[in-house]
């Protein structure tokens, strides 16, 4: 006699609930990570612009503000920027936190530190 092999209904439901929960968690956290990547991309673009290397803080803030308007960045404002020089290279940094509500009163708090450094 051969023993039956396969997936039972209860086993399928158990794994389906875990997979659905993981996918929903990913859908909730993805926008925060996408905005982080967009901010970091804009920092690198501004720092890589030769005209910005010798620019003063107001000009760099204005360039970042123009980019935030186009890219719909809301987590960081121009006043949150930390602008420094590392040798002849412009370095732009920021630090911010995002709270993402998950279920009922459970939230994920994510700290981001985008930078123009390579």
PDB file of N, CA and C in Angstrom:
ATOM      1  N   UNK A   1       0.812  -1.167   0.000  1.00  0.00           N
ATOM      2  CA  UNK A   1       0.000   0.000   0.000  1.00  0.00           C
ATOM      3  C   UNK A   1       0.873   1.255   0.000  1.00  0.00           C
ATOM      4  N   UNK A   2       0.444   2.233  -0.775  1.00  0.00           N
ATOM      5  CA  UNK A   2       1.182   3.485  -0.855  1.00  0.00           C
ATOM      6  C   UNK A   2       0.541   4.524   0.050  1.00  0.00           C
ATOM      7  N   UNK A   3       1.387   5.222   0.734  1.00  0.00           N
ATOM      8  CA  UNK A   3       0.908   6.288   1.607  1.00  0.00           C
ATOM      9  C   UNK A   3       0.618   7.539   0.790  1.00  0.00           C
ATOM     10  N   UNK A   4      -0.461   8.221   1.093  1.00  0.00           N
ATOM     11  CA  UNK A   4      -0.789   9.441   0.355  1.00  0.00           C
ATOM     12  C   UNK A   4       0.115  10.578   0.816  1.00  0.00           C
ATOM     13  N   UNK A   5       0.493  11.382  -0.144  1.00  0.00           N
ATOM     14  CA  UNK A   5       1.320  12.539   0.157  1.00  0.00           C
ATOM     15  C   UNK A   5       0.653  13.761  -0.446  1.00  0.00           C
ATOM     16  N   UNK A   6       0.871  14.888   0.172  1.00  0.00           N
ATOM     17  CA  UNK A   6       0.300  16.108  -0.357  1.00  0.00           C
ATOM     18  C   UNK A   6       0.060  17.116   0.744  1.00  0.00           C
ATOM     19  N   UNK A   7      -0.701  18.108   0.411  1.00  0.00           N
ATOM     20  CA  UNK A   7      -0.971  19.202   1.320  1.00  0.00           C
ATOM     21  C   UNK A   7      -2.411  19.113   1.783  1.00  0.00           C
ATOM     22  N   UNK A   8      -2.615  19.124   3.069  1.00  0.00           N
ATOM     23  CA  UNK A   8      -3.984  19.069   3.595  1.00  0.00           C
ATOM     24  C   UNK A   8      -4.608  20.460   3.543  1.00  0.00           C
ATOM     25  N   UNK A   9      -5.902  20.532   3.690  1.00  0.00           N
ATOM     26  CA  UNK A   9      -6.602  21.816   3.666  1.00  0.00           C
ATOM     27  C   UNK A   9      -6.148  22.681   4.834  1.00  0.00           C
ATOM     28  N   UNK A  10      -6.007  22.106   6.005  1.00  0.00           N
ATOM     29  CA  UNK A  10      -5.574  22.897   7.163  1.00  0.00           C
ATOM     30  C   UNK A  10      -4.132  23.385   6.974  1.00  0.00           C
ATOM     31  N   UNK A  11      -3.278  22.584   6.397  1.00  0.00           N
ATOM     32  CA  UNK A  11      -1.907  23.008   6.119  1.00  0.00           C
ATOM     33  C   UNK A  11      -1.866  24.124   5.092  1.00  0.00           C
ATOM     34  N   UNK A  12      -2.699  23.985   4.066  1.00  0.00           N
ATOM     35  CA  UNK A  12      -2.778  25.025   3.044  1.00  0.00           C
ATOM     36  C   UNK A  12      -3.263  26.338   3.653  1.00  0.00           C
ATOM     37  N   UNK A  13      -4.298  26.306   4.469  1.00  0.00           N
ATOM     38  CA  UNK A  13      -4.823  27.525   5.092  1.00  0.00           C
ATOM     39  C   UNK A  13      -3.789  28.172   6.014  1.00  0.00           C
ATOM     40  N   UNK A  14      -3.059  27.352   6.759  1.00  0.00           N
ATOM     41  CA  UNK A  14      -2.030  27.880   7.641  1.00  0.00           C
ATOM     42  C   UNK A  14      -0.984  28.659   6.852  1.00  0.00           C
ATOM     43  N   UNK A  15      -0.453  28.063   5.799  1.00  0.00           N
ATOM     44  CA  UNK A  15       0.571  28.727   4.997  1.00  0.00           C
ATOM     45  C   UNK A  15       0.000  29.894   4.202  1.00  0.00           C
ATOM     46  N   UNK A  16      -1.258  29.790   3.778  1.00  0.00           N
ATOM     47  CA  UNK A  16      -1.880  30.890   3.040  1.00  0.00           C
ATOM     48  C   UNK A  16      -2.012  32.123   3.935  1.00  0.00           C
ATOM     49  N   UNK A  17      -2.390  31.935   5.197  1.00  0.00           N
ATOM     50  CA  UNK A  17      -2.513  33.065   6.125  1.00  0.00           C
ATOM     51  C   UNK A  17      -1.148  33.717   6.339  1.00  0.00           C
ATOM     52  N   UNK A  18      -0.104  32.922   6.481  1.00  0.00           N
ATOM     53  CA  UNK A  18       1.238  33.475   6.685  1.00  0.00           C
ATOM     54  C   UNK A  18       1.696  34.248   5.455  1.00  0.00           C
ATOM     55  N   UNK A  19       1.478  33.708   4.278  1.00  0.00           N
ATOM     56  CA  UNK A  19       1.888  34.382   3.038  1.00  0.00           C
ATOM     57  C   UNK A  19       1.091  35.678   2.845  1.00  0.00           C
ATOM     58  N   UNK A  20      -0.215  35.652   3.078  1.00  0.00           N
ATOM     59  CA  UNK A  20      -1.045  36.856   2.922  1.00  0.00           C
ATOM     60  C   UNK A  20      -0.597  37.930   3.911  1.00  0.00           C
ATOM     61  N   UNK A  21      -0.312  37.546   5.153  1.00  0.00           N
ATOM     62  CA  UNK A  21       0.160  38.512   6.144  1.00  0.00           C
ATOM     63  C   UNK A  21       1.480  39.137   5.706  1.00  0.00           C
ATOM     64  N   UNK A  22       2.405  38.336   5.198  1.00  0.00           N
ATOM     65  CA  UNK A  22       3.700  38.849   4.740  1.00  0.00           C
ATOM     66  C   UNK A  22       3.531  39.797   3.548  1.00  0.00           C
ATOM     67  N   UNK A  23       2.648  39.461   2.631  1.00  0.00           N
ATOM     68  CA  UNK A  23       2.415  40.320   1.463  1.00  0.00           C
ATOM     69  C   UNK A  23       1.783  41.643   1.892  1.00  0.00           C
ATOM     70  N   UNK A  24       0.811  41.599   2.789  1.00  0.00           N
ATOM     71  CA  UNK A  24       0.183  42.838   3.269  1.00  0.00           C
ATOM     72  C   UNK A  24       1.176  43.710   4.025  1.00  0.00           C
ATOM     73  N   UNK A  25       2.046  43.093   4.807  1.00  0.00           N
ATOM     74  CA  UNK A  25       3.083  43.835   5.508  1.00  0.00           C
ATOM     75  C   UNK A  25       4.006  44.521   4.497  1.00  0.00           C
ATOM     76  N   UNK A  26       4.358  43.814   3.450  1.00  0.00           N
ATOM     77  CA  UNK A  26       5.185  44.401   2.392  1.00  0.00           C
ATOM     78  C   UNK A  26       4.499  45.567   1.707  1.00  0.00           C
ATOM     79  N   UNK A  27       3.200  45.433   1.440  1.00  0.00           N
ATOM     80  CA  UNK A  27       2.453  46.522   0.802  1.00  0.00           C
ATOM     81  C   UNK A  27       2.385  47.751   1.697  1.00  0.00           C
ATOM     82  N   UNK A  28       2.326  47.565   2.999  1.00  0.00           N
ATOM     83  CA  UNK A  28       2.254  48.711   3.911  1.00  0.00           C
ATOM     84  C   UNK A  28       3.610  49.397   4.075  1.00  0.00           C
ATOM     85  N   UNK A  29       4.697  48.621   4.061  1.00  0.00           N
ATOM     86  CA  UNK A  29       6.025  49.184   4.285  1.00  0.00           C
ATOM     87  C   UNK A  29       6.689  49.702   3.010  1.00  0.00           C
ATOM     88  N   UNK A  30       6.270  49.225   1.862  1.00  0.00           N
ATOM     89  CA  UNK A  30       6.910  49.592   0.596  1.00  0.00           C
ATOM     90  C   UNK A  30       6.896  51.096   0.319  1.00  0.00           C
ATOM     91  N   UNK A  31       5.802  51.839   0.534  1.00  0.00           N
ATOM     92  CA  UNK A  31       5.844  53.279   0.241  1.00  0.00           C
ATOM     93  C   UNK A  31       6.897  54.044   1.046  1.00  0.00           C
ATOM     94  N   UNK A  32       7.101  53.667   2.298  1.00  0.00           N
ATOM     95  CA  UNK A  32       8.115  54.344   3.116  1.00  0.00           C
ATOM     96  C   UNK A  32       9.511  54.095   2.543  1.00  0.00           C
ATOM     97  N   UNK A  33       9.796  52.866   2.126  1.00  0.00           N
ATOM     98  CA  UNK A  33      11.099  52.558   1.549  1.00  0.00           C
ATOM     99  C   UNK A  33      11.265  53.197   0.170  1.00  0.00           C
ATOM    100  N   UNK A  34      10.197  53.280  -0.596  1.00  0.00           N
ATOM    101  CA  UNK A  34      10.277  53.921  -1.909  1.00  0.00           C
ATOM    102  C   UNK A  34      10.579  55.414  -1.755  1.00  0.00           C
ATOM    103  N   UNK A  35       9.963  56.063  -0.763  1.00  0.00           N
ATOM    104  CA  UNK A  35      10.236  57.476  -0.530  1.00  0.00           C
ATOM    105  C   UNK A  35      11.682  57.671  -0.066  1.00  0.00           C
ATOM    106  N   UNK A  36      12.183  56.778   0.774  1.00  0.00           N
ATOM    107  CA  UNK A  36      13.583  56.830   1.209  1.00  0.00           C
ATOM    108  C   UNK A  36      14.521  56.748   0.011  1.00  0.00           C
ATOM    109  N   UNK A  37      14.266  55.808  -0.884  1.00  0.00           N
ATOM    110  CA  UNK A  37      15.115  55.656  -2.069  1.00  0.00           C
ATOM    111  C   UNK A  37      15.039  56.888  -2.966  1.00  0.00           C
ATOM    112  N   UNK A  38      13.865  57.498  -3.070  1.00  0.00           N
ATOM    113  CA  UNK A  38      13.706  58.714  -3.866  1.00  0.00           C
ATOM    114  C   UNK A  38      14.484  59.867  -3.243  1.00  0.00           C
ATOM    115  N   UNK A  39      14.416  60.008  -1.918  1.00  0.00           N
ATOM    116  CA  UNK A  39      15.156  61.069  -1.238  1.00  0.00           C
ATOM    117  C   UNK A  39      16.654  60.878  -1.447  1.00  0.00           C
ATOM    118  N   UNK A  40      17.117  59.654  -1.291  1.00  0.00           N
ATOM    119  CA  UNK A  40      18.541  59.388  -1.464  1.00  0.00           C
ATOM    120  C   UNK A  40      18.977  59.679  -2.906  1.00  0.00           C
ATOM    121  N   UNK A  41      18.141  59.336  -3.864  1.00  0.00           N
ATOM    122  CA  UNK A  41      18.454  59.612  -5.268  1.00  0.00           C
ATOM    123  C   UNK A  41      18.554  61.121  -5.516  1.00  0.00           C
ATOM    124  N   UNK A  42      17.652  61.885  -4.914  1.00  0.00           N
ATOM    125  CA  UNK A  42      17.682  63.342  -5.085  1.00  0.00           C
ATOM    126  C   UNK A  42      18.909  63.949  -4.401  1.00  0.00           C
ATOM    127  N   UNK A  43      19.278  63.430  -3.228  1.00  0.00           N
ATOM    128  CA  UNK A  43      20.488  63.906  -2.556  1.00  0.00           C
ATOM    129  C   UNK A  43      21.713  63.689  -3.444  1.00  0.00           C
ATOM    130  N   UNK A  44      21.823  62.514  -4.034  1.00  0.00           N
ATOM    131  CA  UNK A  44      22.970  62.208  -4.893  1.00  0.00           C
ATOM    132  C   UNK A  44      22.974  63.074  -6.142  1.00  0.00           C
ATOM    133  N   UNK A  45      21.784  63.353  -6.685  1.00  0.00           N
ATOM    134  CA  UNK A  45      21.704  64.194  -7.875  1.00  0.00           C
ATOM    135  C   UNK A  45      22.133  65.627  -7.564  1.00  0.00           C
ATOM    136  N   UNK A  46      21.692  66.156  -6.438  1.00  0.00           N
ATOM    137  CA  UNK A  46      22.076  67.525  -6.059  1.00  0.00           C
ATOM    138  C   UNK A  46      23.566  67.585  -5.753  1.00  0.00           C
ATOM    139  N   UNK A  47      24.077  66.618  -4.997  1.00  0.00           N
ATOM    140  CA  UNK A  47      25.496  66.622  -4.630  1.00  0.00           C
ATOM    141  C   UNK A  47      26.380  66.403  -5.849  1.00  0.00           C
ATOM    142  N   UNK A  48      25.890  65.709  -6.851  1.00  0.00           N
ATOM    143  CA  UNK A  48      26.655  65.453  -8.055  1.00  0.00           C
ATOM    144  C   UNK A  48      26.633  66.596  -9.059  1.00  0.00           C
ATOM    145  N   UNK A  49      25.760  67.563  -8.849  1.00  0.00           N
ATOM    146  CA  UNK A  49      25.657  68.712  -9.748  1.00  0.00           C
ATOM    147  C   UNK A  49      26.846  69.652  -9.510  1.00  0.00           C
ATOM    148  N   UNK A  50      27.661  69.908 -10.529  1.00  0.00           N
ATOM    149  CA  UNK A  50      28.836  70.775 -10.341  1.00  0.00           C
ATOM    150  C   UNK A  50      28.476  72.189  -9.880  1.00  0.00           C
ATOM    151  N   UNK A  51      27.323  72.695 -10.271  1.00  0.00           N
ATOM    152  CA  UNK A  51      26.920  74.040  -9.868  1.00  0.00           C
ATOM    153  C   UNK A  51      26.629  74.119  -8.377  1.00  0.00           C
ATOM    154  N   UNK A  52      26.249  73.004  -7.764  1.00  0.00           N
ATOM    155  CA  UNK A  52      25.910  72.993  -6.343  1.00  0.00           C
ATOM    156  C   UNK A  52      27.138  72.880  -5.449  1.00  0.00           C
ATOM    157  N   UNK A  53      28.278  72.495  -5.997  1.00  0.00           N
ATOM    158  CA  UNK A  53      29.491  72.345  -5.191  1.00  0.00           C
ATOM    159  C   UNK A  53      29.910  73.651  -4.527  1.00  0.00           C
ATOM    160  N   UNK A  54      29.719  74.758  -5.207  1.00  0.00           N
ATOM    161  CA  UNK A  54      30.117  76.053  -4.651  1.00  0.00           C
ATOM    162  C   UNK A  54      28.911  76.861  -4.185  1.00  0.00           C
ATOM    163  N   UNK A  55      27.727  76.282  -4.211  1.00  0.00           N
ATOM    164  CA  UNK A  55      26.510  77.001  -3.837  1.00  0.00           C
ATOM    165  C   UNK A  55      26.382  77.129  -2.323  1.00  0.00           C
ATOM    166  N   UNK A  56      25.670  78.156  -1.907  1.00  0.00           N
ATOM    167  CA  UNK A  56      25.385  78.374  -0.493  1.00  0.00           C
ATOM    168  C   UNK A  56      24.152  77.551  -0.086  1.00  0.00           C
ATOM    169  N   UNK A  57      23.914  77.454   1.210  1.00  0.00           N
ATOM    170  CA  UNK A  57      22.820  76.651   1.739  1.00  0.00           C
ATOM    171  C   UNK A  57      21.452  77.019   1.139  1.00  0.00           C
ATOM    172  N   UNK A  58      21.077  78.298   1.020  1.00  0.00           N
ATOM    173  CA  UNK A  58      19.755  78.611   0.449  1.00  0.00           C
ATOM    174  C   UNK A  58      19.559  78.066  -0.980  1.00  0.00           C
ATOM    175  N   UNK A  59      20.603  78.089  -1.771  1.00  0.00           N
ATOM    176  CA  UNK A  59      20.495  77.576  -3.146  1.00  0.00           C
ATOM    177  C   UNK A  59      20.321  76.057  -3.140  1.00  0.00           C
ATOM    178  N   UNK A  60      21.012  75.369  -2.230  1.00  0.00           N
ATOM    179  CA  UNK A  60      20.875  73.914  -2.131  1.00  0.00           C
ATOM    180  C   UNK A  60      19.481  73.551  -1.621  1.00  0.00           C
ATOM    181  N   UNK A  61      18.997  74.295  -0.626  1.00  0.00           N
ATOM    182  CA  UNK A  61      17.640  74.064  -0.114  1.00  0.00           C
ATOM    183  C   UNK A  61      16.598  74.301  -1.197  1.00  0.00           C
ATOM    184  N   UNK A  62      16.785  75.350  -1.991  1.00  0.00           N
ATOM    185  CA  UNK A  62      15.838  75.643  -3.070  1.00  0.00           C
ATOM    186  C   UNK A  62      15.851  74.532  -4.123  1.00  0.00           C
ATOM    187  N   UNK A  63      17.039  74.017  -4.452  1.00  0.00           N
ATOM    188  CA  UNK A  63      17.133  72.911  -5.413  1.00  0.00           C
ATOM    189  C   UNK A  63      16.423  71.674  -4.868  1.00  0.00           C
ATOM    190  N   UNK A  64      16.611  71.393  -3.583  1.00  0.00           N
ATOM    191  CA  UNK A  64      15.942  70.236  -2.979  1.00  0.00           C
ATOM    192  C   UNK A  64      14.429  70.462  -2.936  1.00  0.00           C
ATOM    193  N   UNK A  65      13.990  71.677  -2.595  1.00  0.00           N
ATOM    194  CA  UNK A  65      12.556  71.972  -2.556  1.00  0.00           C
ATOM    195  C   UNK A  65      11.921  71.769  -3.928  1.00  0.00           C
ATOM    196  N   UNK A  66      12.594  72.225  -4.976  1.00  0.00           N
ATOM    197  CA  UNK A  66      12.065  72.037  -6.330  1.00  0.00           C
ATOM    198  C   UNK A  66      11.923  70.555  -6.661  1.00  0.00           C
ATOM    199  N   UNK A  67      12.890  69.769  -6.248  1.00  0.00           N
ATOM    200  CA  UNK A  67      12.830  68.324  -6.505  1.00  0.00           C
ATOM    201  C   UNK A  67      11.757  67.644  -5.657  1.00  0.00           C
ATOM    202  N   UNK A  68      11.559  68.106  -4.424  1.00  0.00           N
ATOM    203  CA  UNK A  68      10.514  67.503  -3.581  1.00  0.00           C
ATOM    204  C   UNK A  68       9.129  67.781  -4.138  1.00  0.00           C
ATOM    205  N   UNK A  69       8.959  68.930  -4.744  1.00  0.00           N
ATOM    206  CA  UNK A  69       7.676  69.255  -5.353  1.00  0.00           C
ATOM    207  C   UNK A  69       7.380  68.320  -6.514  1.00  0.00           C
ATOM    208  N   UNK A  70       8.368  68.062  -7.324  1.00  0.00           N
ATOM    209  CA  UNK A  70       8.183  67.191  -8.487  1.00  0.00           C
ATOM    210  C   UNK A  70       7.998  65.740  -8.061  1.00  0.00           C
ATOM    211  N   UNK A  71       8.807  65.271  -7.104  1.00  0.00           N
ATOM    212  CA  UNK A  71       8.793  63.866  -6.686  1.00  0.00           C
ATOM    213  C   UNK A  71       7.783  63.572  -5.580  1.00  0.00           C
ATOM    214  N   UNK A  72       7.098  64.603  -5.076  1.00  0.00           N
ATOM    215  CA  UNK A  72       6.103  64.450  -4.013  1.00  0.00           C
ATOM    216  C   UNK A  72       6.720  63.834  -2.747  1.00  0.00           C
ATOM    217  N   UNK A  73       7.860  64.380  -2.345  1.00  0.00           N
ATOM    218  CA  UNK A  73       8.529  63.947  -1.113  1.00  0.00           C
ATOM    219  C   UNK A  73       7.951  64.758   0.040  1.00  0.00           C
ATOM    220  N   UNK A  74       7.456  64.065   1.062  1.00  0.00           N
ATOM    221  CA  UNK A  74       6.841  64.761   2.186  1.00  0.00           C
ATOM    222  C   UNK A  74       7.542  64.493   3.515  1.00  0.00           C
ATOM    223  N   UNK A  75       8.419  63.521   3.573  1.00  0.00           N
ATOM    224  CA  UNK A  75       9.046  63.139   4.840  1.00  0.00           C
ATOM    225  C   UNK A  75      10.162  64.093   5.253  1.00  0.00           C
ATOM    226  N   UNK A  76      10.809  64.726   4.301  1.00  0.00           N
ATOM    227  CA  UNK A  76      11.946  65.602   4.591  1.00  0.00           C
ATOM    228  C   UNK A  76      11.688  66.960   3.951  1.00  0.00           C
ATOM    229  N   UNK A  77      11.934  68.013   4.717  1.00  0.00           N
ATOM    230  CA  UNK A  77      11.814  69.373   4.190  1.00  0.00           C
ATOM    231  C   UNK A  77      13.216  69.944   4.009  1.00  0.00           C
ATOM    232  N   UNK A  78      13.364  71.030   3.268  1.00  0.00           N
ATOM    233  CA  UNK A  78      14.697  71.624   3.095  1.00  0.00           C
ATOM    234  C   UNK A  78      15.354  72.037   4.416  1.00  0.00           C
ATOM    235  N   UNK A  79      14.562  72.368   5.426  1.00  0.00           N
ATOM    236  CA  UNK A  79      15.127  72.758   6.715  1.00  0.00           C
ATOM    237  C   UNK A  79      15.711  71.559   7.472  1.00  0.00           C
ATOM    238  N   UNK A  80      15.342  70.338   7.098  1.00  0.00           N
ATOM    239  CA  UNK A  80      15.841  69.131   7.761  1.00  0.00           C
ATOM    240  C   UNK A  80      17.207  68.690   7.236  1.00  0.00           C
ATOM    241  N   UNK A  81      17.692  69.318   6.193  1.00  0.00           N
ATOM    242  CA  UNK A  81      18.937  68.886   5.560  1.00  0.00           C
ATOM    243  C   UNK A  81      20.152  69.237   6.406  1.00  0.00           C
ATOM    244  N   UNK A  82      21.105  68.327   6.435  1.00  0.00           N
ATOM    245  CA  UNK A  82      22.417  68.570   7.041  1.00  0.00           C
ATOM    246  C   UNK A  82      23.400  68.624   5.877  1.00  0.00           C
ATOM    247  N   UNK A  83      23.918  69.806   5.611  1.00  0.00           N
ATOM    248  CA  UNK A  83      24.773  70.029   4.442  1.00  0.00           C
ATOM    249  C   UNK A  83      26.198  70.271   4.924  1.00  0.00           C
ATOM    250  N   UNK A  84      27.127  69.444   4.448  1.00  0.00           N
ATOM    251  CA  UNK A  84      28.535  69.580   4.816  1.00  0.00           C
ATOM    252  C   UNK A  84      29.398  69.397   3.571  1.00  0.00           C
ATOM    253  N   UNK A  85      30.679  69.662   3.728  1.00  0.00           N
ATOM    254  CA  UNK A  85      31.657  69.432   2.662  1.00  0.00           C
ATOM    255  C   UNK A  85      32.646  68.396   3.163  1.00  0.00           C
ATOM    256  N   UNK A  86      32.906  67.398   2.348  1.00  0.00           N
ATOM    257  CA  UNK A  86      33.921  66.389   2.638  1.00  0.00           C
ATOM    258  C   UNK A  86      34.999  66.534   1.570  1.00  0.00           C
ATOM    259  N   UNK A  87      36.018  67.311   1.895  1.00  0.00           N
ATOM    260  CA  UNK A  87      37.015  67.650   0.887  1.00  0.00           C
ATOM    261  C   UNK A  87      36.399  68.623  -0.098  1.00  0.00           C
ATOM    262  N   UNK A  88      36.337  68.236  -1.364  1.00  0.00           N
ATOM    263  CA  UNK A  88      35.680  69.078  -2.367  1.00  0.00           C
ATOM    264  C   UNK A  88      34.302  68.551  -2.734  1.00  0.00           C
ATOM    265  N   UNK A  89      33.847  67.515  -2.042  1.00  0.00           N
ATOM    266  CA  UNK A  89      32.555  66.880  -2.335  1.00  0.00           C
ATOM    267  C   UNK A  89      31.471  67.400  -1.394  1.00  0.00           C
ATOM    268  N   UNK A  90      30.330  67.757  -1.953  1.00  0.00           N
ATOM    269  CA  UNK A  90      29.166  68.177  -1.173  1.00  0.00           C
ATOM    270  C   UNK A  90      28.478  66.936  -0.610  1.00  0.00           C
ATOM    271  N   UNK A  91      28.164  66.957   0.692  1.00  0.00           N
ATOM    272  CA  UNK A  91      27.485  65.834   1.344  1.00  0.00           C
ATOM    273  C   UNK A  91      26.188  66.347   1.940  1.00  0.00           C
ATOM    274  N   UNK A  92      25.087  65.707   1.546  1.00  0.00           N
ATOM    275  CA  UNK A  92      23.762  66.074   2.056  1.00  0.00           C
ATOM    276  C   UNK A  92      23.219  64.873   2.816  1.00  0.00           C
ATOM    277  N   UNK A  93      22.759  65.127   4.047  1.00  0.00           N
ATOM    278  CA  UNK A  93      22.192  64.071   4.889  1.00  0.00           C
ATOM    279  C   UNK A  93      20.898  64.556   5.511  1.00  0.00           C
ATOM    280  N   UNK A  94      20.116  63.596   5.971  1.00  0.00           N
ATOM    281  CA  UNK A  94      18.913  63.889   6.753  1.00  0.00           C
ATOM    282  C   UNK A  94      18.624  62.665   7.615  1.00  0.00           C
ATOM    283  N   UNK A  95      17.886  62.870   8.664  1.00  0.00           N
ATOM    284  CA  UNK A  95      17.459  61.759   9.517  1.00  0.00           C
ATOM    285  C   UNK A  95      15.980  61.976   9.824  1.00  0.00           C
ATOM    286  N   UNK A  96      15.196  60.933   9.610  1.00  0.00           N
ATOM    287  CA  UNK A  96      13.768  61.040   9.888  1.00  0.00           C
ATOM    288  C   UNK A  96      13.202  59.673  10.214  1.00  0.00           C
ATOM    289  N   UNK A  97      12.042  59.683  10.834  1.00  0.00           N
ATOM    290  CA  UNK A  97      11.342  58.446  11.196  1.00  0.00           C
ATOM    291  C   UNK A  97       9.971  58.432  10.533  1.00  0.00           C
ATOM    292  N   UNK A  98       9.534  57.223  10.193  1.00  0.00           N
ATOM    293  CA  UNK A  98       8.206  57.043   9.611  1.00  0.00           C
ATOM    294  C   UNK A  98       7.466  56.016  10.457  1.00  0.00           C
ATOM    295  N   UNK A  99       6.261  56.346  10.849  1.00  0.00           N
ATOM    296  CA  UNK A  99       5.425  55.416  11.595  1.00  0.00           C
ATOM    297  C   UNK A  99       4.351  54.895  10.642  1.00  0.00           C
ATOM    298  N   UNK A 100       4.339  53.576  10.460  1.00  0.00           N
ATOM    299  CA  UNK A 100       3.395  52.936   9.551  1.00  0.00           C
ATOM    300  C   UNK A 100       2.419  52.103  10.374  1.00  0.00           C
ATOM    301  N   UNK A 101       1.134  52.472  10.367  1.00  0.00           N
ATOM    302  CA  UNK A 101       0.155  51.658  11.104  1.00  0.00           C
ATOM    303  C   UNK A 101      -0.028  50.303  10.419  1.00  0.00           C
ATOM    304  N   UNK A 102       0.059  49.229  11.200  1.00  0.00           N
ATOM    305  CA  UNK A 102      -0.065  47.886  10.641  1.00  0.00           C
ATOM    306  C   UNK A 102      -1.453  47.310  10.886  1.00  0.00           C
ATOM    307  N   UNK A 103      -1.748  46.979  12.133  1.00  0.00           N
ATOM    308  CA  UNK A 103      -3.026  46.381  12.491  1.00  0.00           C
ATOM    309  C   UNK A 103      -3.475  46.980  13.811  1.00  0.00           C
ATOM    310  N   UNK A 104      -4.721  47.443  13.869  1.00  0.00           N
ATOM    311  CA  UNK A 104      -5.309  48.011  15.086  1.00  0.00           C
ATOM    312  C   UNK A 104      -4.349  49.050  15.668  1.00  0.00           C
ATOM    313  N   UNK A 105      -3.807  48.808  16.868  1.00  0.00           N
ATOM    314  CA  UNK A 105      -2.923  49.781  17.488  1.00  0.00           C
ATOM    315  C   UNK A 105      -1.442  49.387  17.366  1.00  0.00           C
ATOM    316  N   UNK A 106      -1.108  48.537  16.431  1.00  0.00           N
ATOM    317  CA  UNK A 106       0.267  48.107  16.207  1.00  0.00           C
ATOM    318  C   UNK A 106       0.832  48.880  15.012  1.00  0.00           C
ATOM    319  N   UNK A 107       1.983  49.523  15.254  1.00  0.00           N
ATOM    320  CA  UNK A 107       2.631  50.302  14.200  1.00  0.00           C
ATOM    321  C   UNK A 107       4.088  49.901  14.085  1.00  0.00           C
ATOM    322  N   UNK A 108       4.636  50.133  12.898  1.00  0.00           N
ATOM    323  CA  UNK A 108       6.060  49.937  12.680  1.00  0.00           C
ATOM    324  C   UNK A 108       6.698  51.319  12.606  1.00  0.00           C
ATOM    325  N   UNK A 109       7.727  51.541  13.402  1.00  0.00           N
ATOM    326  CA  UNK A 109       8.462  52.800  13.389  1.00  0.00           C
ATOM    327  C   UNK A 109       9.809  52.538  12.718  1.00  0.00           C
ATOM    328  N   UNK A 110      10.049  53.203  11.600  1.00  0.00           N
ATOM    329  CA  UNK A 110      11.250  52.963  10.809  1.00  0.00           C
ATOM    330  C   UNK A 110      12.077  54.242  10.786  1.00  0.00           C
ATOM    331  N   UNK A 111      13.366  54.135  11.133  1.00  0.00           N
ATOM    332  CA  UNK A 111      14.285  55.264  11.098  1.00  0.00           C
ATOM    333  C   UNK A 111      15.091  55.209   9.805  1.00  0.00           C
ATOM    334  N   UNK A 112      15.137  56.334   9.104  1.00  0.00           N
ATOM    335  CA  UNK A 112      15.882  56.422   7.853  1.00  0.00           C
ATOM    336  C   UNK A 112      16.959  57.490   7.981  1.00  0.00           C
ATOM    337  N   UNK A 113      18.091  57.258   7.327  1.00  0.00           N
ATOM    338  CA  UNK A 113      19.208  58.207   7.291  1.00  0.00           C
ATOM    339  C   UNK A 113      19.754  58.307   5.869  1.00  0.00           C
ATOM    340  N   UNK A 114      19.019  58.936   4.949  1.00  0.00           N
ATOM    341  CA  UNK A 114      19.531  59.044   3.587  1.00  0.00           C
ATOM    342  C   UNK A 114      20.740  59.994   3.535  1.00  0.00           C
ATOM    343  N   UNK A 115      21.638  59.712   2.613  1.00  0.00           N
ATOM    344  CA  UNK A 115      22.841  60.508   2.460  1.00  0.00           C
ATOM    345  C   UNK A 115      23.281  60.491   1.001  1.00  0.00           C
ATOM    346  N   UNK A 116      23.984  61.536   0.614  1.00  0.00           N
ATOM    347  CA  UNK A 116      24.495  61.596  -0.763  1.00  0.00           C
ATOM    348  C   UNK A 116      25.843  60.898  -0.882  1.00  0.00           C
ATOM    349  N   UNK A 117      26.400  60.430   0.224  1.00  0.00           N
ATOM    350  CA  UNK A 117      27.696  59.744   0.180  1.00  0.00           C
ATOM    351  C   UNK A 117      27.562  58.426  -0.542  1.00  0.00           C
ATOM    352  N   UNK A 118      28.611  58.013  -1.200  1.00  0.00           N
ATOM    353  CA  UNK A 118      28.583  56.764  -1.944  1.00  0.00           C
ATOM    354  C   UNK A 118      28.845  55.596  -1.073  1.00  0.00           C
TER     355      UNK A 118
END
